[in-house]
Amino acid sequence: MAKREHIVRASADEIRAMRKQGKTRSDWAAAEQMPQAEVERLADEDDGLLPEGWESSVEIGLPEPAQPVNIRLDASVLRWFKARGPGYQTRINAVLRAFVQARERAEVSQQNPK
């Protein structure tokens, strides 16, 4: 699937307002019916699969000062991290950092094929 060249960003509130006013061309009914496996397949198609073993590069600790941010997480994801004890925010950050590093390595590999 080709990358879209014109990306429009909107908050959840803005999208809700657009939907109420009929100002969106998205097929929200179809999106809400799409199985999670299909969502993940499409994401992999758009972004590519994660490199094998990306999760092994997770490092605990902050390389630079953290920025405060509000983020909405699935309840089950948050429960899983919290169930492992104190420091769940640090662990979430470490997993996200490992993901970013894996993507960066994959991009470098794609730019510099062997």
N, C-alpha and C. Protein backbone atom coordinates (compact mmCIF):
# COMPACT_ATOMS: atom_id res chain seq x y z
N MET A 1 0.85 -1.17 0.00
CA MET A 1 0.00 0.00 0.00
C MET A 1 0.90 1.24 0.00
N ALA A 2 0.65 2.14 -0.90
CA ALA A 2 1.46 3.35 -1.02
C ALA A 2 1.18 4.30 0.14
N LYS A 3 2.23 4.97 0.56
CA LYS A 3 2.08 5.97 1.62
C LYS A 3 1.27 7.15 1.09
N ARG A 4 0.45 7.70 1.94
CA ARG A 4 -0.34 8.87 1.57
C ARG A 4 0.54 10.11 1.70
N GLU A 5 0.43 11.01 0.76
CA GLU A 5 1.28 12.19 0.77
C GLU A 5 0.67 13.34 1.54
N HIS A 6 -0.65 13.34 1.72
CA HIS A 6 -1.31 14.43 2.42
C HIS A 6 -1.90 13.89 3.71
N ILE A 7 -1.26 14.15 4.81
CA ILE A 7 -1.70 13.65 6.10
C ILE A 7 -2.32 14.81 6.88
N VAL A 8 -3.52 14.60 7.37
CA VAL A 8 -4.21 15.60 8.17
C VAL A 8 -4.30 15.07 9.58
N ARG A 9 -3.93 15.87 10.55
CA ARG A 9 -3.99 15.46 11.94
C ARG A 9 -5.18 16.13 12.61
N ALA A 10 -5.85 15.37 13.49
CA ALA A 10 -6.99 15.91 14.22
C ALA A 10 -7.08 15.22 15.56
N SER A 11 -7.54 15.93 16.55
CA SER A 11 -7.73 15.33 17.88
C SER A 11 -8.98 14.47 17.84
N ALA A 12 -9.15 13.64 18.87
CA ALA A 12 -10.34 12.80 18.96
C ALA A 12 -11.60 13.67 19.01
N ASP A 13 -11.54 14.77 19.74
CA ASP A 13 -12.69 15.67 19.82
C ASP A 13 -13.01 16.27 18.45
N GLU A 14 -11.99 16.67 17.71
CA GLU A 14 -12.21 17.23 16.38
C GLU A 14 -12.82 16.19 15.44
N ILE A 15 -12.38 14.95 15.55
CA ILE A 15 -12.93 13.89 14.70
C ILE A 15 -14.38 13.63 15.06
N ARG A 16 -14.69 13.58 16.35
CA ARG A 16 -16.09 13.40 16.77
C ARG A 16 -16.97 14.51 16.20
N ALA A 17 -16.49 15.75 16.28
CA ALA A 17 -17.27 16.88 15.75
C ALA A 17 -17.44 16.76 14.24
N MET A 18 -16.38 16.38 13.53
CA MET A 18 -16.46 16.22 12.08
C MET A 18 -17.46 15.12 11.72
N ARG A 19 -17.45 14.03 12.48
CA ARG A 19 -18.39 12.93 12.21
C ARG A 19 -19.83 13.38 12.40
N LYS A 20 -20.08 14.15 13.47
CA LYS A 20 -21.44 14.64 13.73
C LYS A 20 -21.91 15.57 12.61
N GLN A 21 -20.98 16.35 12.06
CA GLN A 21 -21.33 17.30 11.01
C GLN A 21 -21.28 16.68 9.62
N GLY A 22 -20.89 15.40 9.54
CA GLY A 22 -20.79 14.74 8.24
C GLY A 22 -19.65 15.25 7.39
N LYS A 23 -18.61 15.80 8.03
CA LYS A 23 -17.48 16.38 7.32
C LYS A 23 -16.29 15.43 7.22
N THR A 24 -16.54 14.14 7.20
CA THR A 24 -15.46 13.19 7.07
C THR A 24 -15.79 12.22 5.95
N ARG A 25 -14.79 11.84 5.19
CA ARG A 25 -14.99 10.90 4.09
C ARG A 25 -14.64 9.48 4.51
N SER A 26 -14.24 9.29 5.76
CA SER A 26 -13.87 7.96 6.24
C SER A 26 -15.11 7.09 6.42
N ASP A 27 -14.95 5.82 6.16
CA ASP A 27 -16.02 4.85 6.36
C ASP A 27 -15.88 4.30 7.78
N TRP A 28 -16.42 5.05 8.74
CA TRP A 28 -16.23 4.71 10.15
C TRP A 28 -16.92 3.40 10.51
N ALA A 29 -18.04 3.10 9.88
CA ALA A 29 -18.74 1.84 10.17
C ALA A 29 -17.85 0.66 9.79
N ALA A 30 -17.21 0.75 8.63
CA ALA A 30 -16.31 -0.32 8.20
C ALA A 30 -15.10 -0.41 9.12
N ALA A 31 -14.56 0.73 9.53
CA ALA A 31 -13.40 0.73 10.42
C ALA A 31 -13.73 0.10 11.77
N GLU A 32 -14.90 0.39 12.28
CA GLU A 32 -15.30 -0.16 13.58
C GLU A 32 -15.56 -1.66 13.52
N GLN A 33 -15.90 -2.18 12.34
CA GLN A 33 -16.16 -3.60 12.17
C GLN A 33 -14.90 -4.41 11.84
N MET A 34 -13.79 -3.73 11.51
CA MET A 34 -12.58 -4.42 11.09
C MET A 34 -11.95 -5.19 12.26
N PRO A 35 -11.67 -6.47 12.06
CA PRO A 35 -11.03 -7.25 13.13
C PRO A 35 -9.62 -6.73 13.43
N GLN A 36 -9.19 -6.90 14.67
CA GLN A 36 -7.86 -6.42 15.08
C GLN A 36 -6.76 -7.04 14.22
N ALA A 37 -6.91 -8.32 13.86
CA ALA A 37 -5.89 -8.98 13.04
C ALA A 37 -5.73 -8.27 11.69
N GLU A 38 -6.83 -7.81 11.13
CA GLU A 38 -6.78 -7.09 9.86
C GLU A 38 -6.13 -5.72 10.03
N VAL A 39 -6.42 -5.06 11.13
CA VAL A 39 -5.78 -3.77 11.43
C VAL A 39 -4.27 -3.96 11.51
N GLU A 40 -3.84 -5.00 12.21
CA GLU A 40 -2.40 -5.26 12.35
C GLU A 40 -1.78 -5.64 11.01
N ARG A 41 -2.49 -6.42 10.19
CA ARG A 41 -1.97 -6.79 8.88
C ARG A 41 -1.77 -5.54 8.01
N LEU A 42 -2.74 -4.64 8.04
CA LEU A 42 -2.62 -3.41 7.27
C LEU A 42 -1.49 -2.52 7.79
N ALA A 43 -1.32 -2.48 9.11
CA ALA A 43 -0.21 -1.70 9.67
C ALA A 43 1.13 -2.28 9.23
N ASP A 44 1.24 -3.61 9.26
CA ASP A 44 2.47 -4.26 8.80
C ASP A 44 2.71 -3.96 7.32
N GLU A 45 1.64 -3.96 6.54
CA GLU A 45 1.76 -3.67 5.12
C GLU A 45 2.23 -2.23 4.90
N ASP A 46 1.72 -1.30 5.69
CA ASP A 46 2.11 0.11 5.56
C ASP A 46 3.53 0.36 6.07
N ASP A 47 3.82 -0.17 7.25
CA ASP A 47 5.07 0.16 7.93
C ASP A 47 6.14 -0.93 7.84
N GLY A 48 5.77 -2.12 7.45
CA GLY A 48 6.71 -3.22 7.42
C GLY A 48 6.72 -3.95 8.76
N LEU A 49 7.11 -5.21 8.70
CA LEU A 49 7.17 -6.01 9.92
C LEU A 49 8.30 -5.52 10.81
N LEU A 50 8.13 -5.69 12.11
CA LEU A 50 9.22 -5.38 13.02
C LEU A 50 10.33 -6.39 12.82
N PRO A 51 11.57 -5.97 12.90
CA PRO A 51 12.67 -6.92 12.76
C PRO A 51 12.60 -7.98 13.86
N GLU A 52 13.01 -9.19 13.54
CA GLU A 52 13.03 -10.28 14.51
C GLU A 52 13.89 -9.88 15.70
N GLY A 53 13.39 -10.12 16.92
CA GLY A 53 14.15 -9.87 18.13
C GLY A 53 14.20 -8.42 18.57
N TRP A 54 13.34 -7.55 18.01
CA TRP A 54 13.39 -6.13 18.38
C TRP A 54 13.22 -5.94 19.87
N GLU A 55 12.42 -6.81 20.50
CA GLU A 55 12.14 -6.64 21.92
C GLU A 55 13.36 -6.91 22.80
N SER A 56 14.36 -7.61 22.29
CA SER A 56 15.55 -7.90 23.09
C SER A 56 16.42 -6.67 23.31
N SER A 57 16.13 -5.59 22.58
CA SER A 57 16.93 -4.38 22.74
C SER A 57 16.35 -3.41 23.77
N VAL A 58 15.31 -3.84 24.49
CA VAL A 58 14.71 -2.98 25.52
C VAL A 58 15.73 -2.75 26.63
N GLU A 59 15.95 -1.49 26.95
CA GLU A 59 16.87 -1.12 28.02
C GLU A 59 16.10 -0.32 29.06
N ILE A 60 16.29 -0.66 30.33
CA ILE A 60 15.65 0.09 31.40
C ILE A 60 16.54 1.28 31.73
N GLY A 61 15.95 2.44 31.84
CA GLY A 61 16.70 3.65 32.14
C GLY A 61 16.39 4.73 31.12
N LEU A 62 16.60 5.95 31.50
CA LEU A 62 16.28 7.07 30.62
C LEU A 62 17.56 7.70 30.08
N PRO A 63 17.75 7.70 28.77
CA PRO A 63 18.96 8.30 28.21
C PRO A 63 18.95 9.82 28.26
N GLU A 64 17.78 10.41 28.34
CA GLU A 64 17.66 11.86 28.43
C GLU A 64 16.43 12.16 29.28
N PRO A 65 16.27 13.39 29.75
CA PRO A 65 15.11 13.69 30.59
C PRO A 65 13.80 13.35 29.88
N ALA A 66 12.90 12.77 30.62
CA ALA A 66 11.59 12.42 30.07
C ALA A 66 10.73 13.67 29.94
N GLN A 67 9.86 13.65 28.96
CA GLN A 67 8.92 14.75 28.75
C GLN A 67 7.56 14.31 29.27
N PRO A 68 6.92 15.12 30.08
CA PRO A 68 5.58 14.74 30.54
C PRO A 68 4.61 14.76 29.36
N VAL A 69 3.76 13.74 29.31
CA VAL A 69 2.80 13.63 28.22
C VAL A 69 1.58 12.84 28.71
N ASN A 70 0.43 13.19 28.20
CA ASN A 70 -0.77 12.41 28.47
C ASN A 70 -0.96 11.46 27.30
N ILE A 71 -1.18 10.19 27.60
CA ILE A 71 -1.35 9.20 26.56
C ILE A 71 -2.47 8.25 26.97
N ARG A 72 -3.28 7.87 26.01
CA ARG A 72 -4.36 6.92 26.28
C ARG A 72 -3.87 5.54 25.86
N LEU A 73 -3.90 4.61 26.80
CA LEU A 73 -3.48 3.24 26.55
C LEU A 73 -4.65 2.30 26.73
N ASP A 74 -4.62 1.18 26.04
CA ASP A 74 -5.63 0.16 26.28
C ASP A 74 -5.55 -0.26 27.73
N ALA A 75 -6.71 -0.48 28.35
CA ALA A 75 -6.75 -0.86 29.77
C ALA A 75 -5.96 -2.14 30.01
N SER A 76 -6.05 -3.10 29.10
CA SER A 76 -5.34 -4.37 29.29
C SER A 76 -3.83 -4.18 29.24
N VAL A 77 -3.36 -3.28 28.39
CA VAL A 77 -1.93 -3.00 28.30
C VAL A 77 -1.44 -2.36 29.60
N LEU A 78 -2.17 -1.38 30.08
CA LEU A 78 -1.80 -0.70 31.32
C LEU A 78 -1.81 -1.68 32.49
N ARG A 79 -2.85 -2.52 32.56
CA ARG A 79 -2.92 -3.53 33.64
C ARG A 79 -1.69 -4.43 33.61
N TRP A 80 -1.29 -4.86 32.41
CA TRP A 80 -0.15 -5.76 32.29
C TRP A 80 1.12 -5.10 32.84
N PHE A 81 1.37 -3.87 32.44
CA PHE A 81 2.58 -3.19 32.93
C PHE A 81 2.50 -2.93 34.43
N LYS A 82 1.35 -2.48 34.92
CA LYS A 82 1.20 -2.19 36.35
C LYS A 82 1.33 -3.45 37.20
N ALA A 83 0.88 -4.59 36.66
CA ALA A 83 0.94 -5.85 37.41
C ALA A 83 2.38 -6.28 37.69
N ARG A 84 3.33 -5.72 36.98
CA ARG A 84 4.72 -6.08 37.18
C ARG A 84 5.41 -5.18 38.20
N GLY A 85 4.63 -4.37 38.90
CA GLY A 85 5.15 -3.59 40.02
C GLY A 85 5.50 -2.16 39.67
N PRO A 86 6.10 -1.49 40.65
CA PRO A 86 6.48 -0.09 40.46
C PRO A 86 7.41 0.07 39.26
N GLY A 87 7.35 1.23 38.66
CA GLY A 87 8.20 1.52 37.51
C GLY A 87 7.55 1.18 36.18
N TYR A 88 6.23 1.02 36.19
CA TYR A 88 5.55 0.62 34.94
C TYR A 88 5.72 1.68 33.85
N GLN A 89 5.75 2.96 34.22
CA GLN A 89 5.92 4.00 33.19
C GLN A 89 7.30 3.90 32.57
N THR A 90 8.30 3.60 33.37
CA THR A 90 9.66 3.43 32.86
C THR A 90 9.72 2.23 31.92
N ARG A 91 9.02 1.15 32.28
CA ARG A 91 9.01 -0.03 31.41
C ARG A 91 8.28 0.26 30.09
N ILE A 92 7.18 0.98 30.15
CA ILE A 92 6.46 1.35 28.92
C ILE A 92 7.39 2.18 28.03
N ASN A 93 8.08 3.13 28.62
CA ASN A 93 9.01 3.97 27.86
C ASN A 93 10.12 3.12 27.25
N ALA A 94 10.63 2.15 28.00
CA ALA A 94 11.71 1.29 27.49
C ALA A 94 11.24 0.47 26.29
N VAL A 95 10.02 -0.04 26.35
CA VAL A 95 9.49 -0.81 25.23
C VAL A 95 9.32 0.10 24.01
N LEU A 96 8.80 1.29 24.22
CA LEU A 96 8.64 2.23 23.11
C LEU A 96 10.00 2.63 22.53
N ARG A 97 10.99 2.83 23.39
CA ARG A 97 12.34 3.18 22.92
C ARG A 97 12.91 2.04 22.08
N ALA A 98 12.73 0.79 22.53
CA ALA A 98 13.23 -0.36 21.77
C ALA A 98 12.55 -0.44 20.40
N PHE A 99 11.26 -0.16 20.37
CA PHE A 99 10.53 -0.17 19.11
C PHE A 99 11.12 0.87 18.16
N VAL A 100 11.32 2.09 18.66
CA VAL A 100 11.87 3.16 17.83
C VAL A 100 13.26 2.78 17.32
N GLN A 101 14.10 2.25 18.20
CA GLN A 101 15.45 1.87 17.79
C GLN A 101 15.42 0.78 16.73
N ALA A 102 14.50 -0.18 16.87
CA ALA A 102 14.38 -1.25 15.87
C ALA A 102 13.97 -0.67 14.53
N ARG A 103 13.02 0.25 14.55
CA ARG A 103 12.59 0.90 13.31
C ARG A 103 13.74 1.69 12.68
N GLU A 104 14.49 2.39 13.52
CA GLU A 104 15.63 3.17 13.00
C GLU A 104 16.66 2.26 12.36
N ARG A 105 16.95 1.11 13.00
CA ARG A 105 17.89 0.16 12.43
C ARG A 105 17.37 -0.39 11.10
N ALA A 106 16.06 -0.68 11.05
CA ALA A 106 15.47 -1.21 9.81
C ALA A 106 15.55 -0.17 8.70
N GLU A 107 15.32 1.10 9.04
CA GLU A 107 15.41 2.16 8.02
C GLU A 107 16.83 2.30 7.50
N VAL A 108 17.82 2.21 8.38
CA VAL A 108 19.21 2.30 7.97
C VAL A 108 19.54 1.11 7.07
N SER A 109 19.06 -0.08 7.44
CA SER A 109 19.32 -1.28 6.62
C SER A 109 18.70 -1.14 5.24
N GLN A 110 17.51 -0.54 5.17
CA GLN A 110 16.85 -0.36 3.88
C GLN A 110 17.60 0.67 3.03
N GLN A 111 18.18 1.66 3.67
CA GLN A 111 18.91 2.69 2.93
C GLN A 111 20.28 2.20 2.49
N ASN A 112 20.84 1.25 3.24
CA ASN A 112 22.17 0.72 2.96
C ASN A 112 22.13 -0.79 2.80
N PRO A 113 21.49 -1.31 1.75
CA PRO A 113 21.42 -2.76 1.60
C PRO A 113 22.81 -3.35 1.40
N LYS A 114 22.97 -4.58 1.90
CA LYS A 114 24.30 -5.23 1.81
C LYS A 114 24.53 -5.81 0.46
